Amino acid sequence: MVNPGSSSQPPPVTAGSLSWKRCAGCGGKIADRFLLYAMDSYWHSRCLKCSCCQAQLGDIGTSCYTKSGMILCRNDYISAVRS
């Protein structure tokens, strides 16, 4: 995932630490095999969505971008930059 403007790297995650990770989208525990890290938070892959079009950004090959505190898909990010 791409997160322009943020140089922070996710903290290391070990199998034992997954039980306490909370999703920034739904607030639930992340016990999934995969979790995402964007905007300094962890997410279920189903919860990381574009703030504009609600596209799920956890799909393989989908990038996410940030602008003004919003998480955006590529198309909405380009639109936001142009306006």
PDB file of N, CA and C in Angstrom:
ATOM      1  N   MET A   1       0.832  -1.180   0.000  1.00  0.00           N
ATOM      2  CA  MET A   1       0.000   0.000   0.000  1.00  0.00           C
ATOM      3  C   MET A   1       0.875   1.241   0.000  1.00  0.00           C
ATOM      4  N   VAL A   2       0.430   2.264  -0.638  1.00  0.00           N
ATOM      5  CA  VAL A   2       1.162   3.511  -0.716  1.00  0.00           C
ATOM      6  C   VAL A   2       0.535   4.494   0.252  1.00  0.00           C
ATOM      7  N   ASN A   3       1.362   5.177   0.999  1.00  0.00           N
ATOM      8  CA  ASN A   3       0.864   6.141   1.962  1.00  0.00           C
ATOM      9  C   ASN A   3       1.727   7.388   1.876  1.00  0.00           C
ATOM     10  N   PRO A   4       1.520   8.229   0.829  1.00  0.00           N
ATOM     11  CA  PRO A   4       2.345   9.418   0.681  1.00  0.00           C
ATOM     12  C   PRO A   4       2.270  10.301   1.920  1.00  0.00           C
ATOM     13  N   GLY A   5       3.365  10.891   2.274  1.00  0.00           N
ATOM     14  CA  GLY A   5       3.390  11.811   3.393  1.00  0.00           C
ATOM     15  C   GLY A   5       3.625  11.135   4.735  1.00  0.00           C
ATOM     16  N   SER A   6       3.710   9.845   4.762  1.00  0.00           N
ATOM     17  CA  SER A   6       3.960   9.144   6.014  1.00  0.00           C
ATOM     18  C   SER A   6       5.165   8.243   5.834  1.00  0.00           C
ATOM     19  N   SER A   7       6.173   8.478   6.637  1.00  0.00           N
ATOM     20  CA  SER A   7       7.372   7.670   6.523  1.00  0.00           C
ATOM     21  C   SER A   7       7.408   6.576   7.577  1.00  0.00           C
ATOM     22  N   SER A   8       6.371   6.513   8.402  1.00  0.00           N
ATOM     23  CA  SER A   8       6.391   5.520   9.472  1.00  0.00           C
ATOM     24  C   SER A   8       6.192   4.127   8.916  1.00  0.00           C
ATOM     25  N   GLN A   9       6.896   3.210   9.479  1.00  0.00           N
ATOM     26  CA  GLN A   9       6.790   1.807   9.113  1.00  0.00           C
ATOM     27  C   GLN A   9       5.959   1.114  10.184  1.00  0.00           C
ATOM     28  N   PRO A  10       5.217   0.078   9.812  1.00  0.00           N
ATOM     29  CA  PRO A  10       4.439  -0.618  10.824  1.00  0.00           C
ATOM     30  C   PRO A  10       5.354  -1.316  11.817  1.00  0.00           C
ATOM     31  N   PRO A  11       4.949  -1.331  13.080  1.00  0.00           N
ATOM     32  CA  PRO A  11       5.737  -2.067  14.055  1.00  0.00           C
ATOM     33  C   PRO A  11       5.735  -3.551  13.708  1.00  0.00           C
ATOM     34  N   PRO A  12       6.775  -4.277  14.086  1.00  0.00           N
ATOM     35  CA  PRO A  12       6.804  -5.705  13.791  1.00  0.00           C
ATOM     36  C   PRO A  12       5.616  -6.411  14.448  1.00  0.00           C
ATOM     37  N   VAL A  13       5.057  -7.361  13.724  1.00  0.00           N
ATOM     38  CA  VAL A  13       3.926  -8.128  14.240  1.00  0.00           C
ATOM     39  C   VAL A  13       4.350  -9.572  14.352  1.00  0.00           C
ATOM     40  N   THR A  14       4.149 -10.138  15.516  1.00  0.00           N
ATOM     41  CA  THR A  14       4.436 -11.550  15.706  1.00  0.00           C
ATOM     42  C   THR A  14       3.124 -12.286  15.916  1.00  0.00           C
ATOM     43  N   ALA A  15       3.139 -13.571  15.784  1.00  0.00           N
ATOM     44  CA  ALA A  15       1.917 -14.371  15.918  1.00  0.00           C
ATOM     45  C   ALA A  15       1.242 -14.126  17.263  1.00  0.00           C
ATOM     46  N   GLY A  16       2.007 -13.952  18.301  1.00  0.00           N
ATOM     47  CA  GLY A  16       1.431 -13.734  19.626  1.00  0.00           C
ATOM     48  C   GLY A  16       0.831 -12.362  19.824  1.00  0.00           C
ATOM     49  N   SER A  17       1.220 -11.377  19.009  1.00  0.00           N
ATOM     50  CA  SER A  17       0.714 -10.012  19.208  1.00  0.00           C
ATOM     51  C   SER A  17      -0.527  -9.708  18.386  1.00  0.00           C
ATOM     52  N   LEU A  18      -0.920 -10.600  17.473  1.00  0.00           N
ATOM     53  CA  LEU A  18      -2.080 -10.330  16.633  1.00  0.00           C
ATOM     54  C   LEU A  18      -3.364 -10.207  17.422  1.00  0.00           C
ATOM     55  N   SER A  19      -3.506 -10.885  18.525  1.00  0.00           N
ATOM     56  CA  SER A  19      -4.763 -10.896  19.256  1.00  0.00           C
ATOM     57  C   SER A  19      -5.125  -9.527  19.817  1.00  0.00           C
ATOM     58  N   TRP A  20      -4.164  -8.636  20.006  1.00  0.00           N
ATOM     59  CA  TRP A  20      -4.490  -7.335  20.574  1.00  0.00           C
ATOM     60  C   TRP A  20      -4.592  -6.225  19.541  1.00  0.00           C
ATOM     61  N   LYS A  21      -4.344  -6.513  18.273  1.00  0.00           N
ATOM     62  CA  LYS A  21      -4.464  -5.485  17.249  1.00  0.00           C
ATOM     63  C   LYS A  21      -5.941  -5.183  17.027  1.00  0.00           C
ATOM     64  N   ARG A  22      -6.280  -3.907  16.955  1.00  0.00           N
ATOM     65  CA  ARG A  22      -7.658  -3.471  16.723  1.00  0.00           C
ATOM     66  C   ARG A  22      -7.741  -2.787  15.369  1.00  0.00           C
ATOM     67  N   CYS A  23      -8.798  -3.056  14.664  1.00  0.00           N
ATOM     68  CA  CYS A  23      -9.024  -2.471  13.346  1.00  0.00           C
ATOM     69  C   CYS A  23      -9.470  -1.019  13.501  1.00  0.00           C
ATOM     70  N   ALA A  24      -8.834  -0.122  12.750  1.00  0.00           N
ATOM     71  CA  ALA A  24      -9.203   1.290  12.783  1.00  0.00           C
ATOM     72  C   ALA A  24     -10.559   1.534  12.124  1.00  0.00           C
ATOM     73  N   GLY A  25     -11.008   0.609  11.286  1.00  0.00           N
ATOM     74  CA  GLY A  25     -12.287   0.766  10.611  1.00  0.00           C
ATOM     75  C   GLY A  25     -13.470   0.356  11.460  1.00  0.00           C
ATOM     76  N   CYS A  26     -13.425  -0.866  11.990  1.00  0.00           N
ATOM     77  CA  CYS A  26     -14.577  -1.396  12.734  1.00  0.00           C
ATOM     78  C   CYS A  26     -14.340  -1.483  14.237  1.00  0.00           C
ATOM     79  N   GLY A  27     -13.092  -1.355  14.662  1.00  0.00           N
ATOM     80  CA  GLY A  27     -12.778  -1.444  16.086  1.00  0.00           C
ATOM     81  C   GLY A  27     -12.644  -2.861  16.604  1.00  0.00           C
ATOM     82  N   GLY A  28     -12.897  -3.842  15.746  1.00  0.00           N
ATOM     83  CA  GLY A  28     -12.806  -5.238  16.165  1.00  0.00           C
ATOM     84  C   GLY A  28     -11.385  -5.743  16.208  1.00  0.00           C
ATOM     85  N   LYS A  29     -11.198  -6.846  16.911  1.00  0.00           N
ATOM     86  CA  LYS A  29      -9.876  -7.472  16.972  1.00  0.00           C
ATOM     87  C   LYS A  29      -9.512  -8.031  15.606  1.00  0.00           C
ATOM     88  N   ILE A  30      -8.249  -7.935  15.261  1.00  0.00           N
ATOM     89  CA  ILE A  30      -7.772  -8.482  13.996  1.00  0.00           C
ATOM     90  C   ILE A  30      -7.120  -9.819  14.289  1.00  0.00           C
ATOM     91  N   ALA A  31      -7.824 -10.879  13.929  1.00  0.00           N
ATOM     92  CA  ALA A  31      -7.296 -12.228  14.093  1.00  0.00           C
ATOM     93  C   ALA A  31      -7.142 -12.892  12.730  1.00  0.00           C
ATOM     94  N   ASP A  32      -7.304 -12.097  11.671  1.00  0.00           N
ATOM     95  CA  ASP A  32      -7.174 -12.598  10.309  1.00  0.00           C
ATOM     96  C   ASP A  32      -5.729 -13.015  10.041  1.00  0.00           C
ATOM     97  N   ARG A  33      -5.553 -13.802   9.013  1.00  0.00           N
ATOM     98  CA  ARG A  33      -4.202 -14.198   8.617  1.00  0.00           C
ATOM     99  C   ARG A  33      -3.418 -12.989   8.113  1.00  0.00           C
ATOM    100  N   PHE A  34      -4.110 -12.056   7.446  1.00  0.00           N
ATOM    101  CA  PHE A  34      -3.476 -10.856   6.917  1.00  0.00           C
ATOM    102  C   PHE A  34      -4.102  -9.623   7.538  1.00  0.00           C
ATOM    103  N   LEU A  35      -3.291  -8.606   7.778  1.00  0.00           N
ATOM    104  CA  LEU A  35      -3.790  -7.323   8.227  1.00  0.00           C
ATOM    105  C   LEU A  35      -3.070  -6.248   7.450  1.00  0.00           C
ATOM    106  N   LEU A  36      -3.689  -5.104   7.350  1.00  0.00           N
ATOM    107  CA  LEU A  36      -3.111  -4.001   6.587  1.00  0.00           C
ATOM    108  C   LEU A  36      -2.709  -2.890   7.540  1.00  0.00           C
ATOM    109  N   TYR A  37      -1.746  -2.091   7.127  1.00  0.00           N
ATOM    110  CA  TYR A  37      -1.282  -0.956   7.917  1.00  0.00           C
ATOM    111  C   TYR A  37      -1.326   0.284   7.037  1.00  0.00           C
ATOM    112  N   ALA A  38      -2.151   1.251   7.405  1.00  0.00           N
ATOM    113  CA  ALA A  38      -2.272   2.505   6.657  1.00  0.00           C
ATOM    114  C   ALA A  38      -2.613   3.620   7.629  1.00  0.00           C
ATOM    115  N   MET A  39      -2.081   4.779   7.386  1.00  0.00           N
ATOM    116  CA  MET A  39      -2.312   5.959   8.227  1.00  0.00           C
ATOM    117  C   MET A  39      -2.060   5.657   9.707  1.00  0.00           C
ATOM    118  N   ASP A  40      -0.951   4.979   9.963  1.00  0.00           N
ATOM    119  CA  ASP A  40      -0.506   4.658  11.321  1.00  0.00           C
ATOM    120  C   ASP A  40      -1.499   3.799  12.099  1.00  0.00           C
ATOM    121  N   SER A  41      -2.312   3.014  11.398  1.00  0.00           N
ATOM    122  CA  SER A  41      -3.292   2.139  12.032  1.00  0.00           C
ATOM    123  C   SER A  41      -3.345   0.800  11.305  1.00  0.00           C
ATOM    124  N   TYR A  42      -3.850  -0.204  12.015  1.00  0.00           N
ATOM    125  CA  TYR A  42      -4.062  -1.520  11.427  1.00  0.00           C
ATOM    126  C   TYR A  42      -5.508  -1.640  10.977  1.00  0.00           C
ATOM    127  N   TRP A  43      -5.731  -2.445   9.942  1.00  0.00           N
ATOM    128  CA  TRP A  43      -7.059  -2.597   9.341  1.00  0.00           C
ATOM    129  C   TRP A  43      -7.291  -4.055   8.948  1.00  0.00           C
ATOM    130  N   HIS A  44      -8.553  -4.509   9.065  1.00  0.00           N
ATOM    131  CA  HIS A  44      -8.950  -5.736   8.376  1.00  0.00           C
ATOM    132  C   HIS A  44      -8.904  -5.416   6.891  1.00  0.00           C
ATOM    133  N   SER A  45      -8.615  -6.383   6.058  1.00  0.00           N
ATOM    134  CA  SER A  45      -8.577  -6.100   4.620  1.00  0.00           C
ATOM    135  C   SER A  45      -9.952  -5.677   4.108  1.00  0.00           C
ATOM    136  N   ARG A  46     -11.035  -6.145   4.710  1.00  0.00           N
ATOM    137  CA  ARG A  46     -12.376  -5.755   4.273  1.00  0.00           C
ATOM    138  C   ARG A  46     -12.763  -4.355   4.754  1.00  0.00           C
ATOM    139  N   CYS A  47     -12.062  -3.818   5.740  1.00  0.00           N
ATOM    140  CA  CYS A  47     -12.432  -2.523   6.329  1.00  0.00           C
ATOM    141  C   CYS A  47     -11.690  -1.332   5.724  1.00  0.00           C
ATOM    142  N   LEU A  48     -10.568  -1.579   5.065  1.00  0.00           N
ATOM    143  CA  LEU A  48      -9.807  -0.473   4.478  1.00  0.00           C
ATOM    144  C   LEU A  48     -10.468  -0.096   3.158  1.00  0.00           C
ATOM    145  N   LYS A  49     -11.200   1.017   3.181  1.00  0.00           N
ATOM    146  CA  LYS A  49     -11.990   1.440   2.020  1.00  0.00           C
ATOM    147  C   LYS A  49     -11.672   2.884   1.664  1.00  0.00           C
ATOM    148  N   CYS A  50     -11.875   3.208   0.393  1.00  0.00           N
ATOM    149  CA  CYS A  50     -11.725   4.581  -0.078  1.00  0.00           C
ATOM    150  C   CYS A  50     -12.783   5.443   0.598  1.00  0.00           C
ATOM    151  N   SER A  51     -12.368   6.591   1.108  1.00  0.00           N
ATOM    152  CA  SER A  51     -13.298   7.503   1.777  1.00  0.00           C
ATOM    153  C   SER A  51     -14.343   8.077   0.835  1.00  0.00           C
ATOM    154  N   CYS A  52     -14.061   8.114  -0.454  1.00  0.00           N
ATOM    155  CA  CYS A  52     -15.003   8.684  -1.423  1.00  0.00           C
ATOM    156  C   CYS A  52     -15.929   7.639  -2.034  1.00  0.00           C
ATOM    157  N   CYS A  53     -15.367   6.607  -2.643  1.00  0.00           N
ATOM    158  CA  CYS A  53     -16.184   5.651  -3.400  1.00  0.00           C
ATOM    159  C   CYS A  53     -16.430   4.336  -2.657  1.00  0.00           C
ATOM    160  N   GLN A  54     -15.843   4.173  -1.483  1.00  0.00           N
ATOM    161  CA  GLN A  54     -16.013   2.984  -0.646  1.00  0.00           C
ATOM    162  C   GLN A  54     -15.441   1.696  -1.260  1.00  0.00           C
ATOM    163  N   ALA A  55     -14.579   1.811  -2.264  1.00  0.00           N
ATOM    164  CA  ALA A  55     -13.930   0.632  -2.842  1.00  0.00           C
ATOM    165  C   ALA A  55     -13.035   0.003  -1.781  1.00  0.00           C
ATOM    166  N   GLN A  56     -13.053  -1.316  -1.681  1.00  0.00           N
ATOM    167  CA  GLN A  56     -12.186  -2.012  -0.738  1.00  0.00           C
ATOM    168  C   GLN A  56     -10.754  -1.971  -1.249  1.00  0.00           C
ATOM    169  N   LEU A  57      -9.880  -1.375  -0.470  1.00  0.00           N
ATOM    170  CA  LEU A  57      -8.497  -1.184  -0.885  1.00  0.00           C
ATOM    171  C   LEU A  57      -7.602  -2.344  -0.468  1.00  0.00           C
ATOM    172  N   GLY A  58      -8.142  -3.304   0.237  1.00  0.00           N
ATOM    173  CA  GLY A  58      -7.363  -4.451   0.665  1.00  0.00           C
ATOM    174  C   GLY A  58      -7.185  -5.492  -0.420  1.00  0.00           C
ATOM    175  N   ASP A  59      -7.817  -5.274  -1.576  1.00  0.00           N
ATOM    176  CA  ASP A  59      -7.669  -6.218  -2.673  1.00  0.00           C
ATOM    177  C   ASP A  59      -6.212  -6.243  -3.129  1.00  0.00           C
ATOM    178  N   ILE A  60      -5.757  -7.401  -3.526  1.00  0.00           N
ATOM    179  CA  ILE A  60      -4.372  -7.540  -3.987  1.00  0.00           C
ATOM    180  C   ILE A  60      -4.131  -6.622  -5.180  1.00  0.00           C
ATOM    181  N   GLY A  61      -3.070  -5.868  -5.116  1.00  0.00           N
ATOM    182  CA  GLY A  61      -2.704  -4.982  -6.212  1.00  0.00           C
ATOM    183  C   GLY A  61      -3.326  -3.603  -6.137  1.00  0.00           C
ATOM    184  N   THR A  62      -4.174  -3.352  -5.153  1.00  0.00           N
ATOM    185  CA  THR A  62      -4.800  -2.046  -5.020  1.00  0.00           C
ATOM    186  C   THR A  62      -3.948  -1.187  -4.099  1.00  0.00           C
ATOM    187  N   SER A  63      -3.669   0.029  -4.526  1.00  0.00           N
ATOM    188  CA  SER A  63      -2.904   0.955  -3.705  1.00  0.00           C
ATOM    189  C   SER A  63      -3.856   1.892  -2.986  1.00  0.00           C
ATOM    190  N   CYS A  64      -3.381   2.463  -1.903  1.00  0.00           N
ATOM    191  CA  CYS A  64      -4.175   3.497  -1.249  1.00  0.00           C
ATOM    192  C   CYS A  64      -3.309   4.734  -1.082  1.00  0.00           C
ATOM    193  N   TYR A  65      -3.972   5.864  -1.068  1.00  0.00           N
ATOM    194  CA  TYR A  65      -3.321   7.161  -0.982  1.00  0.00           C
ATOM    195  C   TYR A  65      -4.007   7.955   0.114  1.00  0.00           C
ATOM    196  N   THR A  66      -3.330   8.970   0.628  1.00  0.00           N
ATOM    197  CA  THR A  66      -3.943   9.807   1.648  1.00  0.00           C
ATOM    198  C   THR A  66      -3.898  11.264   1.222  1.00  0.00           C
ATOM    199  N   LYS A  67      -4.950  11.965   1.580  1.00  0.00           N
ATOM    200  CA  LYS A  67      -5.017  13.405   1.356  1.00  0.00           C
ATOM    201  C   LYS A  67      -5.993  13.974   2.363  1.00  0.00           C
ATOM    202  N   SER A  68      -5.570  14.973   3.098  1.00  0.00           N
ATOM    203  CA  SER A  68      -6.412  15.651   4.086  1.00  0.00           C
ATOM    204  C   SER A  68      -7.035  14.675   5.078  1.00  0.00           C
ATOM    205  N   GLY A  69      -6.272  13.671   5.484  1.00  0.00           N
ATOM    206  CA  GLY A  69      -6.746  12.715   6.470  1.00  0.00           C
ATOM    207  C   GLY A  69      -7.683  11.651   5.932  1.00  0.00           C
ATOM    208  N   MET A  70      -7.913  11.640   4.629  1.00  0.00           N
ATOM    209  CA  MET A  70      -8.778  10.638   4.022  1.00  0.00           C
ATOM    210  C   MET A  70      -7.924   9.566   3.364  1.00  0.00           C
ATOM    211  N   ILE A  71      -8.437   8.353   3.337  1.00  0.00           N
ATOM    212  CA  ILE A  71      -7.811   7.265   2.599  1.00  0.00           C
ATOM    213  C   ILE A  71      -8.537   7.174   1.267  1.00  0.00           C
ATOM    214  N   LEU A  72      -7.770   7.181   0.180  1.00  0.00           N
ATOM    215  CA  LEU A  72      -8.372   7.246  -1.147  1.00  0.00           C
ATOM    216  C   LEU A  72      -7.810   6.193  -2.086  1.00  0.00           C
ATOM    217  N   CYS A  73      -8.648   5.770  -3.036  1.00  0.00           N
ATOM    218  CA  CYS A  73      -8.164   4.932  -4.126  1.00  0.00           C
ATOM    219  C   CYS A  73      -7.411   5.851  -5.098  1.00  0.00           C
ATOM    220  N   ARG A  74      -6.747   5.279  -6.058  1.00  0.00           N
ATOM    221  CA  ARG A  74      -5.941   6.056  -7.002  1.00  0.00           C
ATOM    222  C   ARG A  74      -6.788   7.084  -7.750  1.00  0.00           C
ATOM    223  N   ASN A  75      -7.932   6.669  -8.277  1.00  0.00           N
ATOM    224  CA  ASN A  75      -8.774   7.578  -9.055  1.00  0.00           C
ATOM    225  C   ASN A  75      -9.259   8.764  -8.233  1.00  0.00           C
ATOM    226  N   ASP A  76      -9.718   8.508  -7.014  1.00  0.00           N
ATOM    227  CA  ASP A  76     -10.195   9.609  -6.163  1.00  0.00           C
ATOM    228  C   ASP A  76      -9.050  10.490  -5.691  1.00  0.00           C
ATOM    229  N   TYR A  77      -7.861   9.908  -5.499  1.00  0.00           N
ATOM    230  CA  TYR A  77      -6.700  10.711  -5.129  1.00  0.00           C
ATOM    231  C   TYR A  77      -6.334  11.668  -6.262  1.00  0.00           C
ATOM    232  N   ILE A  78      -6.319  11.157  -7.481  1.00  0.00           N
ATOM    233  CA  ILE A  78      -6.012  12.003  -8.640  1.00  0.00           C
ATOM    234  C   ILE A  78      -7.037  13.122  -8.768  1.00  0.00           C
ATOM    235  N   SER A  79      -8.303  12.796  -8.583  1.00  0.00           N
ATOM    236  CA  SER A  79      -9.358  13.811  -8.637  1.00  0.00           C
ATOM    237  C   SER A  79      -9.171  14.866  -7.557  1.00  0.00           C
ATOM    238  N   ALA A  80      -8.792  14.432  -6.342  1.00  0.00           N
ATOM    239  CA  ALA A  80      -8.602  15.361  -5.240  1.00  0.00           C
ATOM    240  C   ALA A  80      -7.412  16.270  -5.467  1.00  0.00           C
ATOM    241  N   VAL A  81      -6.365  15.752  -6.078  1.00  0.00           N
ATOM    242  CA  VAL A  81      -5.167  16.553  -6.335  1.00  0.00           C
ATOM    243  C   VAL A  81      -5.459  17.602  -7.410  1.00  0.00           C
ATOM    244  N   ARG A  82      -6.259  17.239  -8.389  1.00  0.00           N
ATOM    245  CA  ARG A  82      -6.567  18.174  -9.482  1.00  0.00           C
ATOM    246  C   ARG A  82      -7.483  19.297  -9.035  1.00  0.00           C
ATOM    247  N   SER A  83      -8.289  19.070  -8.013  1.00  0.00           N
ATOM    248  CA  SER A  83      -9.243  20.127  -7.612  1.00  0.00           C
ATOM    249  C   SER A  83      -8.665  21.086  -6.603  1.00  0.00           C
TER     250      SER A  83
END
